[in-house]
Protein backbone atom coordinates (compact mmCIF):
# COMPACT_ATOMS: atom_id res chain seq x y z
CA UNK A 1 -0.09 -0.06 0.25
CA UNK A 2 1.09 3.48 -0.75
CA UNK A 3 2.09 5.44 2.37
CA UNK A 4 0.97 8.59 1.21
CA UNK A 5 -2.39 7.34 -0.20
CA UNK A 6 -4.44 9.27 2.60
CA UNK A 7 -1.79 12.10 2.60
CA UNK A 8 -3.36 14.81 1.09
CA UNK A 9 -4.05 18.49 1.24
CA UNK A 10 -7.71 20.28 1.17
CA UNK A 11 -7.67 23.55 -0.70
CA UNK A 12 -9.06 26.07 1.69
CA UNK A 13 -10.75 28.18 -0.95
CA UNK A 14 -12.78 25.16 -1.83
CA UNK A 15 -13.65 24.17 1.75
CA UNK A 16 -14.34 27.90 2.26
CA UNK A 17 -16.63 28.22 -0.81
CA UNK A 18 -18.43 25.04 0.38
CA UNK A 19 -18.97 26.31 4.05
CA UNK A 20 -20.53 29.69 2.81
CA UNK A 21 -23.06 27.90 0.69
CA UNK A 22 -23.48 25.62 3.59
CA UNK A 23 -24.51 28.39 5.76
CA UNK A 24 -26.23 30.16 2.91
CA UNK A 25 -28.80 27.11 1.81
CA UNK A 26 -29.40 26.15 5.80
CA UNK A 27 -33.19 26.73 6.15
CA UNK A 28 -32.69 28.18 9.52
CA UNK A 29 -29.95 30.58 8.34
CA UNK A 30 -31.25 31.65 5.00
CA UNK A 31 -31.47 35.54 4.97
CA UNK A 32 -28.83 35.79 7.97
CA UNK A 33 -25.65 37.84 7.14
CA UNK A 34 -22.95 35.23 7.61
CA UNK A 35 -19.41 34.91 6.09
CA UNK A 36 -16.56 32.41 6.50
CA UNK A 37 -12.92 32.67 6.09
CA UNK A 38 -10.23 30.18 6.61
CA UNK A 39 -6.91 31.13 7.94
CA UNK A 40 -4.69 27.88 7.77
CA UNK A 41 -6.86 25.42 10.24
CA UNK A 42 -8.85 28.50 11.43
CA UNK A 43 -12.09 29.52 10.70
CA UNK A 44 -13.44 32.55 11.33
CA UNK A 45 -17.46 33.45 11.42
CA UNK A 46 -18.41 36.78 10.76
CA UNK A 47 -21.80 38.49 10.32
CA UNK A 48 -25.06 39.14 12.05
CA UNK A 49 -27.74 36.91 12.95
CA UNK A 50 -31.14 37.51 14.97
CA UNK A 51 -31.10 34.83 17.50
CA UNK A 52 -28.37 33.22 19.69
CA UNK A 53 -29.21 29.71 18.52
CA UNK A 54 -28.48 30.70 14.92
CA UNK A 55 -24.88 32.00 16.36
CA UNK A 56 -24.36 28.36 17.40
CA UNK A 57 -26.20 26.83 14.74
CA UNK A 58 -23.50 28.16 11.90
CA UNK A 59 -20.54 27.59 14.18
CA UNK A 60 -21.87 23.93 14.60
CA UNK A 61 -22.48 23.78 10.75
CA UNK A 62 -18.33 24.67 10.44
CA UNK A 63 -17.16 22.55 13.04
CA UNK A 64 -16.82 19.19 11.02
CA UNK A 65 -15.53 20.65 7.90
CA UNK A 66 -12.23 18.78 6.70
CA UNK A 67 -9.21 20.67 7.91
CA UNK A 68 -10.91 23.18 10.65
CA UNK A 69 -9.04 22.77 13.99
CA UNK A 70 -10.41 26.25 15.57
CA UNK A 71 -13.13 28.05 14.90
CA UNK A 72 -13.50 32.00 15.85
CA UNK A 73 -17.23 32.93 16.37
CA UNK A 74 -17.71 36.80 15.83
CA UNK A 75 -21.10 36.60 14.37
CA UNK A 76 -23.25 39.27 16.46
CA UNK A 77 -27.04 38.73 17.59
CA UNK A 78 -29.05 41.77 16.82
CA UNK A 79 -32.61 41.00 18.01
CA UNK A 80 -35.32 42.57 15.71
CA UNK A 81 -37.53 45.02 17.32
CA UNK A 82 -40.62 43.81 18.28
CA UNK A 83 -43.91 45.15 16.92
CA UNK A 84 -45.34 47.44 18.65
CA UNK A 85 -48.83 46.82 21.14
CA UNK A 86 -51.59 47.44 18.81
CA UNK A 87 -54.14 49.93 20.19
CA UNK A 88 -57.30 48.22 21.53
CA UNK A 89 -58.97 50.92 22.77
CA UNK A 90 -59.48 53.27 19.74
CA UNK A 91 -61.78 56.45 21.07
């Protein structure tokens, strides 16, 4: 067996494109502003989401990417303002 058979490098541009695609297509993250950048084996998440759960979901999605050893999650959570209460007592 060739000892180099399992020794290969993964193109970080391909991994970065794949991760951006996975985040854009995930049903819970559609419409959110998230970007991924790779620096060596480190993954940096940036952008904004409207719920803390979405921030952690984005991190979970990139955690299994080939070659990613560390994740820096810089996503900001910006809650959408609630709709003002309707005036039920019109005069």
